[in-house]
Amino acid sequence: MNYLAYQDESGVSKEEDKFIIGILFIKKEDEYKLRDLIQKVRDNNHFYDELHFNKTSNLRSKVYKELLQNVLSYGKFKFHMIVIDKKYIDYKRFGGKSKIGRSRVYNKFTQLRVLHSIEKIGPGYYYIYTDAKSSIKEDNFTEYLKNYTNFVLMCEGYTQYIIKTVEPINSKKDDLLQLDDLLLGALSVNHNNKCTNENENENKKELAAFVRNDMLHNKSRYEEWIFKTNKNKIANP
């Protein structure tokens, strides 16, 4: 089985308390159906801008809701996320709050989320796509995520679970990475609410409630991992 995975994050700004990573998993055979569903909504509304949860307007809210209704009705996807409370991260163990330390935190928790998701979803080849960032190469993100996760899978006996590639892509040009952003944004509202005015707040709350309701009624599609510790701060395993 071939799986495509689209990864994004929220809560990276200093104003937000939670750091959240979300990954949309689909079978390769379902890719074009999902892309077609999104394209039809775009065409029906003459909307061809980037789909981004934090960009709102009346038209965007209409498009987002229609799109999510179609995607959730189709239902052939998995959406997994991990929520980390920043106050529990012991940055000293990652090299401090420097750029290197923060990138190590990002790399580690993305790797944890991917590893646990793959083990849960099942054997196959996994092709992971992430938003292309200027620092992605210097942070060693793609190589770490692919090689270290494959190494752990092998050591744990998951020999038929293999990440074939981790590839940065332009989020502005890929509808499935943008779909991941919508799902992540909606499910992040309860954790980090960045709404800045009443209308924006209501639009986002409506979308958030819509997706969370689907999560409650279709639990097998979702996994919301609230990463917790007891007394010790989160450290680099």
C-alpha atoms as a PDB file:
ATOM      1  CA  MET A   1       0.000   0.000   0.000  1.00  0.00           C
ATOM      2  CA  ASN A   2       1.233   3.497  -0.850  1.00  0.00           C
ATOM      3  CA  TYR A   3       0.403   6.402   1.473  1.00  0.00           C
ATOM      4  CA  LEU A   4       0.790  10.142   0.992  1.00  0.00           C
ATOM      5  CA  ALA A   5       1.278  12.323   4.053  1.00  0.00           C
ATOM      6  CA  TYR A   6       1.016  16.121   4.185  1.00  0.00           C
ATOM      7  CA  GLN A   7       2.567  17.775   7.227  1.00  0.00           C
ATOM      8  CA  ASP A   8       2.190  21.272   8.660  1.00  0.00           C
ATOM      9  CA  GLU A   9       2.415  23.023  12.012  1.00  0.00           C
ATOM     10  CA  SER A  10       0.860  25.847  14.017  1.00  0.00           C
ATOM     11  CA  GLY A  11       1.707  27.654  17.217  1.00  0.00           C
ATOM     12  CA  VAL A  12       5.284  28.497  16.263  1.00  0.00           C
ATOM     13  CA  SER A  13       4.951  32.181  17.202  1.00  0.00           C
ATOM     14  CA  LYS A  14       6.002  33.293  20.683  1.00  0.00           C
ATOM     15  CA  GLU A  15       2.464  34.504  21.496  1.00  0.00           C
ATOM     16  CA  GLU A  16       1.019  30.997  21.400  1.00  0.00           C
ATOM     17  CA  ASP A  17       1.241  28.549  24.294  1.00  0.00           C
ATOM     18  CA  LYS A  18       0.921  25.320  22.303  1.00  0.00           C
ATOM     19  CA  PHE A  19       3.044  23.955  19.488  1.00  0.00           C
ATOM     20  CA  ILE A  20       0.948  21.731  17.213  1.00  0.00           C
ATOM     21  CA  ILE A  21       1.865  19.443  14.323  1.00  0.00           C
ATOM     22  CA  GLY A  22      -0.799  18.012  12.016  1.00  0.00           C
ATOM     23  CA  ILE A  23      -0.447  15.374   9.321  1.00  0.00           C
ATOM     24  CA  LEU A  24      -3.009  14.386   6.693  1.00  0.00           C
ATOM     25  CA  PHE A  25      -2.617  10.758   5.554  1.00  0.00           C
ATOM     26  CA  ILE A  26      -4.329   9.412   2.451  1.00  0.00           C
ATOM     27  CA  LYS A  27      -3.946   6.329   0.319  1.00  0.00           C
ATOM     28  CA  LYS A  28      -2.347   7.076  -3.018  1.00  0.00           C
ATOM     29  CA  GLU A  29      -5.430   5.665  -4.759  1.00  0.00           C
ATOM     30  CA  ASP A  30      -7.592   8.381  -3.138  1.00  0.00           C
ATOM     31  CA  GLU A  31      -5.369  11.325  -4.066  1.00  0.00           C
ATOM     32  CA  TYR A  32      -7.048  12.386  -7.292  1.00  0.00           C
ATOM     33  CA  LYS A  33     -10.566  12.052  -5.894  1.00  0.00           C
ATOM     34  CA  LEU A  34      -9.685  14.449  -3.082  1.00  0.00           C
ATOM     35  CA  ARG A  35      -7.979  16.851  -5.462  1.00  0.00           C
ATOM     36  CA  ASP A  36     -11.039  16.741  -7.714  1.00  0.00           C
ATOM     37  CA  LEU A  37     -13.374  17.504  -4.797  1.00  0.00           C
ATOM     38  CA  ILE A  38     -11.304  20.561  -3.915  1.00  0.00           C
ATOM     39  CA  GLN A  39     -11.065  21.731  -7.517  1.00  0.00           C
ATOM     40  CA  LYS A  40     -14.832  21.537  -7.987  1.00  0.00           C
ATOM     41  CA  VAL A  41     -15.378  23.777  -4.960  1.00  0.00           C
ATOM     42  CA  ARG A  42     -12.822  26.230  -6.346  1.00  0.00           C
ATOM     43  CA  ASP A  43     -14.501  26.263  -9.737  1.00  0.00           C
ATOM     44  CA  ASN A  44     -18.027  26.605  -8.313  1.00  0.00           C
ATOM     45  CA  ASN A  45     -16.970  29.655  -6.329  1.00  0.00           C
ATOM     46  CA  HIS A  46     -14.397  31.046  -8.791  1.00  0.00           C
ATOM     47  CA  PHE A  47     -11.882  30.910  -5.965  1.00  0.00           C
ATOM     48  CA  TYR A  48      -8.275  30.132  -6.848  1.00  0.00           C
ATOM     49  CA  ASP A  49      -6.333  31.709  -3.991  1.00  0.00           C
ATOM     50  CA  GLU A  50      -4.450  29.776  -1.349  1.00  0.00           C
ATOM     51  CA  LEU A  51      -6.591  27.922   1.182  1.00  0.00           C
ATOM     52  CA  HIS A  52      -5.320  29.108   4.551  1.00  0.00           C
ATOM     53  CA  PHE A  53      -7.240  28.869   7.825  1.00  0.00           C
ATOM     54  CA  ASN A  54      -5.849  32.144   9.169  1.00  0.00           C
ATOM     55  CA  LYS A  55      -6.975  34.085   6.087  1.00  0.00           C
ATOM     56  CA  THR A  56     -10.656  34.864   6.409  1.00  0.00           C
ATOM     57  CA  SER A  57     -13.428  36.657   4.533  1.00  0.00           C
ATOM     58  CA  ASN A  58     -17.059  35.874   3.794  1.00  0.00           C
ATOM     59  CA  LEU A  59     -16.094  34.187   0.538  1.00  0.00           C
ATOM     60  CA  ARG A  60     -13.268  32.238   2.134  1.00  0.00           C
ATOM     61  CA  SER A  61     -15.543  31.024   4.928  1.00  0.00           C
ATOM     62  CA  LYS A  62     -18.094  29.849   2.363  1.00  0.00           C
ATOM     63  CA  VAL A  63     -15.411  28.067   0.318  1.00  0.00           C
ATOM     64  CA  TYR A  64     -13.778  26.477   3.366  1.00  0.00           C
ATOM     65  CA  LYS A  65     -17.064  25.166   4.722  1.00  0.00           C
ATOM     66  CA  GLU A  66     -18.188  23.759   1.372  1.00  0.00           C
ATOM     67  CA  LEU A  67     -14.802  22.176   0.811  1.00  0.00           C
ATOM     68  CA  LEU A  68     -14.672  20.610   4.265  1.00  0.00           C
ATOM     69  CA  GLN A  69     -18.235  19.317   3.911  1.00  0.00           C
ATOM     70  CA  ASN A  70     -17.263  17.490   0.712  1.00  0.00           C
ATOM     71  CA  VAL A  71     -13.987  16.142   2.075  1.00  0.00           C
ATOM     72  CA  LEU A  72     -15.479  14.967   5.359  1.00  0.00           C
ATOM     73  CA  SER A  73     -18.370  13.328   3.529  1.00  0.00           C
ATOM     74  CA  TYR A  74     -15.870  11.462   1.346  1.00  0.00           C
ATOM     75  CA  GLY A  75     -14.012  10.496   4.486  1.00  0.00           C
ATOM     76  CA  LYS A  76     -11.095   8.536   3.054  1.00  0.00           C
ATOM     77  CA  PHE A  77      -8.285  10.120   5.042  1.00  0.00           C
ATOM     78  CA  LYS A  78      -6.588  10.103   8.433  1.00  0.00           C
ATOM     79  CA  PHE A  79      -5.669  13.261  10.292  1.00  0.00           C
ATOM     80  CA  HIS A  80      -3.221  12.949  13.171  1.00  0.00           C
ATOM     81  CA  MET A  81      -1.894  15.755  15.337  1.00  0.00           C
ATOM     82  CA  ILE A  82       0.309  16.254  18.374  1.00  0.00           C
ATOM     83  CA  VAL A  83      -0.151  19.137  20.819  1.00  0.00           C
ATOM     84  CA  ILE A  84       2.825  20.187  22.963  1.00  0.00           C
ATOM     85  CA  ASP A  85       2.590  22.736  25.762  1.00  0.00           C
ATOM     86  CA  LYS A  86       5.672  24.915  25.319  1.00  0.00           C
ATOM     87  CA  LYS A  87       6.132  25.473  29.044  1.00  0.00           C
ATOM     88  CA  TYR A  88       7.078  21.809  29.421  1.00  0.00           C
ATOM     89  CA  ILE A  89       9.850  21.864  26.818  1.00  0.00           C
ATOM     90  CA  ASP A  90      13.286  21.807  28.434  1.00  0.00           C
ATOM     91  CA  TYR A  91      15.164  23.697  25.727  1.00  0.00           C
ATOM     92  CA  LYS A  92      18.506  23.196  27.486  1.00  0.00           C
ATOM     93  CA  ARG A  93      18.374  19.553  26.470  1.00  0.00           C
ATOM     94  CA  PHE A  94      17.919  20.542  22.832  1.00  0.00           C
ATOM     95  CA  GLY A  95      20.730  23.089  22.796  1.00  0.00           C
ATOM     96  CA  GLY A  96      18.883  26.119  24.174  1.00  0.00           C
ATOM     97  CA  LYS A  97      16.335  28.480  22.644  1.00  0.00           C
ATOM     98  CA  SER A  98      18.615  29.296  19.745  1.00  0.00           C
ATOM     99  CA  LYS A  99      17.510  28.634  16.179  1.00  0.00           C
ATOM    100  CA  ILE A 100      19.248  25.255  16.342  1.00  0.00           C
ATOM    101  CA  GLY A 101      17.505  24.333  19.594  1.00  0.00           C
ATOM    102  CA  ARG A 102      14.077  25.293  18.296  1.00  0.00           C
ATOM    103  CA  SER A 103      14.626  23.378  15.054  1.00  0.00           C
ATOM    104  CA  ARG A 104      15.607  20.273  17.056  1.00  0.00           C
ATOM    105  CA  VAL A 105      12.351  20.538  19.017  1.00  0.00           C
ATOM    106  CA  TYR A 106      10.411  20.812  15.755  1.00  0.00           C
ATOM    107  CA  ASN A 107      12.279  17.889  14.188  1.00  0.00           C
ATOM    108  CA  LYS A 108      11.875  15.642  17.217  1.00  0.00           C
ATOM    109  CA  PHE A 109       8.152  16.097  17.735  1.00  0.00           C
ATOM    110  CA  THR A 110       7.421  15.801  14.029  1.00  0.00           C
ATOM    111  CA  GLN A 111       9.387  12.556  14.010  1.00  0.00           C
ATOM    112  CA  LEU A 112       7.451  11.268  17.036  1.00  0.00           C
ATOM    113  CA  ARG A 113       4.105  12.069  15.417  1.00  0.00           C
ATOM    114  CA  VAL A 114       5.092  10.451  12.113  1.00  0.00           C
ATOM    115  CA  LEU A 115       6.463   7.350  13.813  1.00  0.00           C
ATOM    116  CA  HIS A 116       3.379   6.697  15.932  1.00  0.00           C
ATOM    117  CA  SER A 117       1.061   7.416  13.001  1.00  0.00           C
ATOM    118  CA  ILE A 118       2.818   5.016  10.652  1.00  0.00           C
ATOM    119  CA  GLU A 119       2.821   2.268  13.254  1.00  0.00           C
ATOM    120  CA  LYS A 120      -0.921   2.768  13.737  1.00  0.00           C
ATOM    121  CA  ILE A 121      -1.951   3.120  10.077  1.00  0.00           C
ATOM    122  CA  GLY A 122      -0.182   0.028   8.816  1.00  0.00           C
ATOM    123  CA  PRO A 123       2.496  -1.379   6.507  1.00  0.00           C
ATOM    124  CA  GLY A 124       3.320   0.299   3.242  1.00  0.00           C
ATOM    125  CA  TYR A 125       5.431   2.903   1.532  1.00  0.00           C
ATOM    126  CA  TYR A 126       5.013   6.448   2.876  1.00  0.00           C
ATOM    127  CA  TYR A 127       5.659   9.604   0.862  1.00  0.00           C
ATOM    128  CA  ILE A 128       5.755  12.658   3.119  1.00  0.00           C
ATOM    129  CA  TYR A 129       5.309  16.225   1.874  1.00  0.00           C
ATOM    130  CA  THR A 130       6.015  19.291   3.973  1.00  0.00           C
ATOM    131  CA  ASP A 131       5.899  23.015   3.341  1.00  0.00           C
ATOM    132  CA  ALA A 132       9.149  24.214   1.780  1.00  0.00           C
ATOM    133  CA  LYS A 133      10.886  26.541   4.239  1.00  0.00           C
ATOM    134  CA  SER A 134      14.097  28.459   3.686  1.00  0.00           C
ATOM    135  CA  SER A 135      15.809  26.725   6.616  1.00  0.00           C
ATOM    136  CA  ILE A 136      14.631  23.193   5.923  1.00  0.00           C
ATOM    137  CA  LYS A 137      17.970  22.017   4.524  1.00  0.00           C
ATOM    138  CA  GLU A 138      20.185  23.575   7.176  1.00  0.00           C
ATOM    139  CA  ASP A 139      17.911  22.203   9.913  1.00  0.00           C
ATOM    140  CA  ASN A 140      18.438  18.683   8.493  1.00  0.00           C
ATOM    141  CA  PHE A 141      14.685  18.144   8.742  1.00  0.00           C
ATOM    142  CA  THR A 142      14.053  15.934   5.713  1.00  0.00           C
ATOM    143  CA  GLU A 143      16.997  13.605   6.237  1.00  0.00           C
ATOM    144  CA  TYR A 144      16.373  13.290   9.966  1.00  0.00           C
ATOM    145  CA  LEU A 145      12.670  12.581   9.549  1.00  0.00           C
ATOM    146  CA  LYS A 146      13.229   9.948   6.882  1.00  0.00           C
ATOM    147  CA  ASN A 147      16.383   8.190   8.052  1.00  0.00           C
ATOM    148  CA  TYR A 148      15.873   8.243  11.807  1.00  0.00           C
ATOM    149  CA  THR A 149      12.214   7.185  11.595  1.00  0.00           C
ATOM    150  CA  ASN A 150      13.084   4.340   9.227  1.00  0.00           C
ATOM    151  CA  PHE A 151      15.849   3.277  11.616  1.00  0.00           C
ATOM    152  CA  VAL A 152      13.454   3.186  14.592  1.00  0.00           C
ATOM    153  CA  LEU A 153      10.826   1.299  12.566  1.00  0.00           C
ATOM    154  CA  MET A 154      13.419  -1.296  11.599  1.00  0.00           C
ATOM    155  CA  CYS A 155      14.658  -1.675  15.183  1.00  0.00           C
ATOM    156  CA  GLU A 156      11.092  -2.146  16.437  1.00  0.00           C
ATOM    157  CA  GLY A 157      10.427  -4.851  13.851  1.00  0.00           C
ATOM    158  CA  TYR A 158       8.224  -2.818  11.496  1.00  0.00           C
ATOM    159  CA  THR A 159      10.139  -4.034   8.468  1.00  0.00           C
ATOM    160  CA  GLN A 160       7.258  -3.483   6.029  1.00  0.00           C
ATOM    161  CA  TYR A 161       6.731   0.139   7.111  1.00  0.00           C
ATOM    162  CA  ILE A 162       9.047   2.377   5.071  1.00  0.00           C
ATOM    163  CA  ILE A 163       9.296   6.116   4.464  1.00  0.00           C
ATOM    164  CA  LYS A 164      10.334   6.385   0.833  1.00  0.00           C
ATOM    165  CA  THR A 165      10.750  10.133   0.713  1.00  0.00           C
ATOM    166  CA  VAL A 166      10.326  13.377   2.630  1.00  0.00           C
ATOM    167  CA  GLU A 167       9.906  16.167   0.117  1.00  0.00           C
ATOM    168  CA  PRO A 168       9.467  19.922   0.649  1.00  0.00           C
ATOM    169  CA  ILE A 169       6.820  21.420  -1.647  1.00  0.00           C
ATOM    170  CA  ASN A 170       5.319  24.866  -2.161  1.00  0.00           C
ATOM    171  CA  SER A 171       2.186  24.997  -0.011  1.00  0.00           C
ATOM    172  CA  LYS A 172       0.726  27.774  -2.155  1.00  0.00           C
ATOM    173  CA  LYS A 173       0.589  25.370  -5.101  1.00  0.00           C
ATOM    174  CA  ASP A 174      -0.657  22.160  -3.489  1.00  0.00           C
ATOM    175  CA  ASP A 175      -4.301  21.730  -2.499  1.00  0.00           C
ATOM    176  CA  LEU A 176      -3.726  18.746  -0.231  1.00  0.00           C
ATOM    177  CA  LEU A 177      -1.132  20.580   1.847  1.00  0.00           C
ATOM    178  CA  GLN A 178      -3.626  23.437   2.037  1.00  0.00           C
ATOM    179  CA  LEU A 179      -6.329  20.974   3.125  1.00  0.00           C
ATOM    180  CA  ASP A 180      -3.991  19.882   5.895  1.00  0.00           C
ATOM    181  CA  ASP A 181      -3.720  23.555   6.937  1.00  0.00           C
ATOM    182  CA  LEU A 182      -7.520  23.873   7.135  1.00  0.00           C
ATOM    183  CA  LEU A 183      -7.918  20.758   9.269  1.00  0.00           C
ATOM    184  CA  LEU A 184      -5.006  21.709  11.504  1.00  0.00           C
ATOM    185  CA  GLY A 185      -6.246  25.275  11.887  1.00  0.00           C
ATOM    186  CA  ALA A 186      -9.763  24.151  12.760  1.00  0.00           C
ATOM    187  CA  LEU A 187      -8.612  21.632  15.346  1.00  0.00           C
ATOM    188  CA  SER A 188      -6.058  24.071  16.799  1.00  0.00           C
ATOM    189  CA  VAL A 189      -8.649  26.703  17.722  1.00  0.00           C
ATOM    190  CA  ASN A 190      -9.321  25.037  21.078  1.00  0.00           C
ATOM    191  CA  HIS A 191      -5.594  25.119  21.851  1.00  0.00           C
ATOM    192  CA  ASN A 192      -4.353  28.375  20.286  1.00  0.00           C
ATOM    193  CA  ASN A 193      -7.091  30.852  19.378  1.00  0.00           C
ATOM    194  CA  LYS A 194      -5.541  33.661  17.317  1.00  0.00           C
ATOM    195  CA  CYS A 195      -8.822  35.261  16.222  1.00  0.00           C
ATOM    196  CA  THR A 196      -8.428  39.043  16.186  1.00  0.00           C
ATOM    197  CA  ASN A 197     -11.959  40.364  15.674  1.00  0.00           C
ATOM    198  CA  GLU A 198     -15.543  39.268  16.244  1.00  0.00           C
ATOM    199  CA  ASN A 199     -16.388  38.300  12.650  1.00  0.00           C
ATOM    200  CA  GLU A 200     -13.123  36.407  12.212  1.00  0.00           C
ATOM    201  CA  ASN A 201     -13.691  34.732  15.540  1.00  0.00           C
ATOM    202  CA  GLU A 202     -17.184  33.514  14.604  1.00  0.00           C
ATOM    203  CA  ASN A 203     -16.082  32.248  11.181  1.00  0.00           C
ATOM    204  CA  LYS A 204     -13.202  30.302  12.666  1.00  0.00           C
ATOM    205  CA  LYS A 205     -15.270  28.970  15.541  1.00  0.00           C
ATOM    206  CA  GLU A 206     -17.898  27.694  13.103  1.00  0.00           C
ATOM    207  CA  LEU A 207     -15.308  25.841  11.013  1.00  0.00           C
ATOM    208  CA  ALA A 208     -13.612  24.529  14.141  1.00  0.00           C
ATOM    209  CA  ALA A 209     -16.901  23.183  15.533  1.00  0.00           C
ATOM    210  CA  PHE A 210     -17.714  21.575  12.200  1.00  0.00           C
ATOM    211  CA  VAL A 211     -14.429  19.641  12.034  1.00  0.00           C
ATOM    212  CA  ARG A 212     -14.411  18.746  15.733  1.00  0.00           C
ATOM    213  CA  ASN A 213     -17.935  17.376  15.378  1.00  0.00           C
ATOM    214  CA  ASP A 214     -16.683  15.114  12.599  1.00  0.00           C
ATOM    215  CA  MET A 215     -13.876  13.999  14.899  1.00  0.00           C
ATOM    216  CA  LEU A 216     -16.390  13.078  17.599  1.00  0.00           C
ATOM    217  CA  HIS A 217     -18.511  11.028  15.181  1.00  0.00           C
ATOM    218  CA  ASN A 218     -15.675   9.484  13.133  1.00  0.00           C
ATOM    219  CA  LYS A 219     -12.996   8.817  15.714  1.00  0.00           C
ATOM    220  CA  SER A 220     -11.095   6.352  13.541  1.00  0.00           C
ATOM    221  CA  ARG A 221     -10.160   9.176  11.141  1.00  0.00           C
ATOM    222  CA  TYR A 222      -8.431  11.259  13.779  1.00  0.00           C
ATOM    223  CA  GLU A 223      -5.833  11.094  16.484  1.00  0.00           C
ATOM    224  CA  GLU A 224      -5.287  14.084  18.756  1.00  0.00           C
ATOM    225  CA  TRP A 225      -2.234  13.359  20.871  1.00  0.00           C
ATOM    226  CA  ILE A 226      -1.967  15.743  23.822  1.00  0.00           C
ATOM    227  CA  PHE A 227       1.669  15.236  24.747  1.00  0.00           C
ATOM    228  CA  LYS A 228       1.918  15.174  28.541  1.00  0.00           C
ATOM    229  CA  THR A 229       4.566  14.683  31.177  1.00  0.00           C
ATOM    230  CA  ASN A 230       4.335  14.306  34.926  1.00  0.00           C
ATOM    231  CA  LYS A 231       6.838  16.378  36.900  1.00  0.00           C
ATOM    232  CA  ASN A 232       9.660  16.443  34.395  1.00  0.00           C
ATOM    233  CA  LYS A 233       9.828  18.814  31.477  1.00  0.00           C
ATOM    234  CA  ILE A 234       9.769  17.428  27.948  1.00  0.00           C
ATOM    235  CA  ALA A 235      13.318  16.501  27.024  1.00  0.00           C
ATOM    236  CA  ASN A 236      15.083  15.174  23.968  1.00  0.00           C
ATOM    237  CA  PRO A 237      14.619  11.350  24.059  1.00  0.00           C
END
